[in-house]
Protein backbone atom coordinates (compact mmCIF):
# COMPACT_ATOMS: atom_id res chain seq x y z
CA MET A 1 -28.66 -2.40 16.03
CA THR A 2 -26.02 -3.67 18.43
CA GLY A 3 -22.96 -4.31 16.22
CA PRO A 4 -20.75 -2.03 14.15
CA LYS A 5 -22.34 -0.42 11.13
CA GLN A 6 -22.09 -2.43 7.97
CA GLY A 7 -19.26 -1.23 5.77
CA ARG A 8 -17.15 0.01 8.68
CA VAL A 9 -13.87 -1.71 9.30
CA THR A 10 -13.63 -2.70 12.94
CA SER A 11 -10.27 -2.87 14.70
CA ALA A 12 -10.42 -6.69 14.60
CA LYS A 13 -11.02 -6.63 10.84
CA ARG A 14 -8.24 -4.07 10.41
CA ILE A 15 -5.84 -6.38 12.18
CA ASP A 16 -6.99 -9.20 9.94
CA LEU A 17 -6.44 -7.05 6.87
CA GLU A 18 -3.01 -5.97 8.08
CA THR A 19 -2.09 -9.56 8.87
CA ARG A 20 -3.30 -10.70 5.47
CA GLU A 21 -1.27 -8.00 3.72
CA ARG A 22 1.83 -8.98 5.69
CA LEU A 23 1.33 -12.63 4.84
CA ILE A 24 1.05 -11.73 1.16
CA GLU A 25 4.31 -9.77 1.42
CA VAL A 26 6.05 -12.72 3.08
CA ARG A 27 4.68 -15.14 0.47
CA ASN A 28 5.84 -12.89 -2.37
CA PHE A 29 9.29 -12.58 -0.80
CA ALA A 30 9.53 -16.37 -0.46
CA GLU A 31 8.41 -16.84 -4.08
CA MET A 32 10.99 -14.36 -5.36
CA SER A 33 13.75 -15.95 -3.27
CA GLN A 34 12.89 -19.42 -4.56
CA ARG A 35 12.80 -18.21 -8.17
CA ARG A 36 16.22 -16.60 -7.75
CA LEU A 37 17.62 -19.85 -6.37
CA ASP A 38 16.00 -21.75 -9.25
CA LEU A 39 17.57 -19.32 -11.69
CA LEU A 40 21.05 -19.97 -10.33
CA ASN A 41 20.61 -23.71 -9.86
CA PRO A 42 17.84 -25.05 -12.13
CA SER A 43 16.93 -28.72 -11.98
CA SER A 44 16.66 -28.81 -15.78
CA GLU A 45 16.71 -26.47 -18.74
CA GLN A 46 12.94 -26.75 -18.98
CA HIS A 47 12.65 -25.66 -15.35
CA LEU A 48 15.02 -22.77 -16.09
CA ARG A 49 12.78 -21.66 -18.96
CA ALA A 50 9.74 -21.68 -16.66
CA THR A 51 11.67 -19.57 -14.17
CA LEU A 52 12.79 -17.20 -16.91
CA TRP A 53 9.16 -16.65 -17.98
CA TRP A 54 8.27 -15.88 -14.38
CA MET A 55 11.24 -13.51 -14.10
CA ALA A 56 10.26 -11.77 -17.32
CA GLU A 57 6.87 -10.96 -15.81
CA ARG A 58 7.80 -10.31 -12.18
CA GLY A 59 11.55 -9.90 -11.97
CA GLU A 60 13.06 -6.81 -10.40
CA LYS A 61 16.07 -4.64 -11.11
CA GLU A 62 18.24 -6.78 -8.82
CA ASP A 63 17.53 -9.81 -11.00
CA LEU A 64 19.30 -8.35 -14.01
CA GLU A 65 22.71 -9.25 -12.57
CA LEU A 66 21.54 -12.81 -11.94
CA LEU A 67 20.31 -13.05 -15.52
CA ARG A 68 23.67 -11.83 -16.78
CA LYS A 69 25.39 -14.59 -14.79
CA VAL A 70 23.00 -17.18 -16.19
CA SER A 71 23.60 -15.91 -19.74
CA GLU A 72 27.32 -16.69 -19.38
CA ASN A 73 26.51 -20.41 -19.46
CA ASN A 74 27.07 -21.42 -23.07
CA SER A 75 25.54 -24.89 -22.69
CA TYR A 76 21.93 -23.66 -22.93
CA SER A 77 19.91 -23.99 -26.12
CA GLU A 78 19.26 -21.02 -28.39
CA LYS A 79 15.65 -21.00 -27.21
CA THR A 80 16.77 -20.56 -23.60
CA LYS A 81 19.35 -17.92 -24.54
CA GLU A 82 16.64 -15.94 -26.31
CA LEU A 83 14.39 -16.24 -23.29
CA ILE A 84 17.19 -14.88 -21.08
CA LYS A 85 17.43 -11.86 -23.37
CA THR A 86 13.66 -11.43 -23.34
CA ALA A 87 13.61 -11.50 -19.54
CA GLU A 88 16.43 -8.95 -19.38
CA HIS A 89 14.61 -6.62 -21.77
CA LYS A 90 11.24 -6.92 -20.03
CA ILE A 91 12.74 -6.31 -16.60
CA GLY A 92 14.83 -3.45 -17.98
CA ASP A 93 11.81 -1.84 -19.60
CA ARG A 94 9.73 -2.24 -16.47
CA THR A 95 12.43 -0.87 -14.16
CA LYS A 96 13.79 1.68 -16.64
CA ASN A 97 17.20 0.02 -16.60
CA PRO A 98 19.01 -1.00 -19.82
């Protein structure tokens, strides 16, 4: 057998894995940044609700302050206001922050 043993990670594969992991990190950062921008400047209330659902599932501690700013807007429907509260609670529970 002339190549590396099956199951072993060669240095070339390791670089590929490291590159892939870094690309995933960059993609996740870009997604989070875009969602935060969408939260502060939604194109519509429906788009805001979609962003709030995403935030409820993936938002981080830092997003709680953004959600509080969004909640100050009294022009949103009751459904959206409830979703803001839901997102705050889910993020708070997940990050152990009230």
